[in-house]
C-alpha atoms as a PDB file:
ATOM      1  CA  MET A   1       5.803 -65.429  -5.092  1.00  0.00           C
ATOM      2  CA  GLN A   2       7.126 -68.014  -7.517  1.00  0.00           C
ATOM      3  CA  ARG A   3       7.720 -67.106 -11.153  1.00  0.00           C
ATOM      4  CA  ILE A   4       5.749 -69.071 -13.703  1.00  0.00           C
ATOM      5  CA  LEU A   5       7.778 -69.575 -16.867  1.00  0.00           C
ATOM      6  CA  LEU A   6       6.068 -70.594 -20.083  1.00  0.00           C
ATOM      7  CA  THR A   7       7.539 -72.237 -23.165  1.00  0.00           C
ATOM      8  CA  THR A   8       6.977 -70.781 -26.615  1.00  0.00           C
ATOM      9  CA  ARG A   9       4.306 -73.406 -27.301  1.00  0.00           C
ATOM     10  CA  GLU A  10       2.523 -72.767 -23.989  1.00  0.00           C
ATOM     11  CA  LEU A  11       2.460 -69.019 -24.603  1.00  0.00           C
ATOM     12  CA  ALA A  12       1.307 -69.530 -28.182  1.00  0.00           C
ATOM     13  CA  ASN A  13      -1.605 -71.664 -26.955  1.00  0.00           C
ATOM     14  CA  PHE A  14      -2.480 -69.067 -24.314  1.00  0.00           C
ATOM     15  CA  LEU A  15      -2.437 -66.203 -26.852  1.00  0.00           C
ATOM     16  CA  ARG A  16      -4.017 -68.314 -29.591  1.00  0.00           C
ATOM     17  CA  LEU A  17      -1.089 -67.650 -31.885  1.00  0.00           C
ATOM     18  CA  SER A  18       1.246 -70.002 -33.657  1.00  0.00           C
ATOM     19  CA  PRO A  19       4.574 -70.796 -31.981  1.00  0.00           C
ATOM     20  CA  ARG A  20       6.222 -69.310 -35.059  1.00  0.00           C
ATOM     21  CA  THR A  21       4.481 -65.947 -34.472  1.00  0.00           C
ATOM     22  CA  VAL A  22       5.577 -65.921 -30.818  1.00  0.00           C
ATOM     23  CA  ALA A  23       9.170 -66.668 -31.914  1.00  0.00           C
ATOM     24  CA  LYS A  24       8.943 -63.827 -34.455  1.00  0.00           C
ATOM     25  CA  TYR A  25       7.739 -61.421 -31.746  1.00  0.00           C
ATOM     26  CA  CYS A  26      10.794 -62.413 -29.673  1.00  0.00           C
ATOM     27  CA  HIS A  27      13.160 -61.858 -32.574  1.00  0.00           C
ATOM     28  CA  LEU A  28      11.648 -58.419 -33.183  1.00  0.00           C
ATOM     29  CA  GLY A  29      11.756 -57.543 -29.471  1.00  0.00           C
ATOM     30  CA  LEU A  30       7.991 -57.088 -29.309  1.00  0.00           C
ATOM     31  CA  ILE A  31       7.325 -59.377 -26.341  1.00  0.00           C
ATOM     32  CA  PRO A  32       9.239 -59.770 -23.054  1.00  0.00           C
ATOM     33  CA  TYR A  33      11.194 -63.017 -22.762  1.00  0.00           C
ATOM     34  CA  LEU A  34      14.074 -64.689 -20.965  1.00  0.00           C
ATOM     35  CA  ARG A  35      16.884 -66.576 -22.633  1.00  0.00           C
ATOM     36  CA  LEU A  36      18.127 -69.545 -20.624  1.00  0.00           C
ATOM     37  CA  PRO A  37      21.796 -70.634 -20.567  1.00  0.00           C
ATOM     38  CA  ARG A  38      21.424 -73.199 -23.357  1.00  0.00           C
ATOM     39  CA  GLY A  39      19.619 -70.735 -25.607  1.00  0.00           C
ATOM     40  CA  LYS A  40      16.070 -71.820 -24.807  1.00  0.00           C
ATOM     41  CA  VAL A  41      13.460 -69.083 -24.505  1.00  0.00           C
ATOM     42  CA  ARG A  42      10.937 -68.765 -21.682  1.00  0.00           C
ATOM     43  CA  PHE A  43       8.270 -66.212 -20.902  1.00  0.00           C
ATOM     44  CA  ASP A  44       7.485 -64.939 -17.420  1.00  0.00           C
ATOM     45  CA  GLN A  45       3.710 -65.202 -17.136  1.00  0.00           C
ATOM     46  CA  LYS A  46       3.340 -62.001 -15.076  1.00  0.00           C
ATOM     47  CA  GLU A  47       5.525 -59.979 -17.456  1.00  0.00           C
ATOM     48  CA  VAL A  48       3.504 -61.198 -20.439  1.00  0.00           C
ATOM     49  CA  LEU A  49       0.210 -60.361 -18.716  1.00  0.00           C
ATOM     50  CA  ASP A  50       1.534 -56.882 -17.881  1.00  0.00           C
ATOM     51  CA  TRP A  51       2.672 -56.498 -21.505  1.00  0.00           C
ATOM     52  CA  LEU A  52      -0.804 -57.487 -22.714  1.00  0.00           C
ATOM     53  CA  LYS A  53      -2.458 -54.965 -20.399  1.00  0.00           C
ATOM     54  CA  GLU A  54      -0.146 -52.254 -21.730  1.00  0.00           C
ATOM     55  CA  LYS A  55      -0.962 -53.164 -25.332  1.00  0.00           C
ATOM     56  CA  THR A  56      -4.717 -53.539 -24.837  1.00  0.00           C
ATOM     57  CA  ILE A  57      -6.806 -50.870 -26.465  1.00  0.00           C
ATOM     58  CA  ASN A  58      -9.878 -49.818 -24.528  1.00  0.00           C
ATOM     59  CA  GLU A  59     -12.073 -46.741 -24.312  1.00  0.00           C
ATOM     60  CA  GLU A  60      -9.691 -44.996 -21.869  1.00  0.00           C
ATOM     61  CA  ASN A  61      -6.682 -45.493 -24.160  1.00  0.00           C
ATOM     62  CA  ARG A  62      -8.351 -44.240 -27.334  1.00  0.00           C
ATOM     63  CA  GLY A  63      -7.800 -40.805 -28.784  1.00  0.00           C
END
């Protein structure tokens, strides 16, 4: 299976956040990301989806 890597802007659009917020989450270590050799940041789509599932609050996760 091929990895799908997203840019900060692509992930921001997907999450309906600003690119600045996504960059802040990276800086704080709140979201999984990859740093490429020239310093660019990419997000593995599957890792982000897994991260979202882990962070999602639903009836089973409450209390």
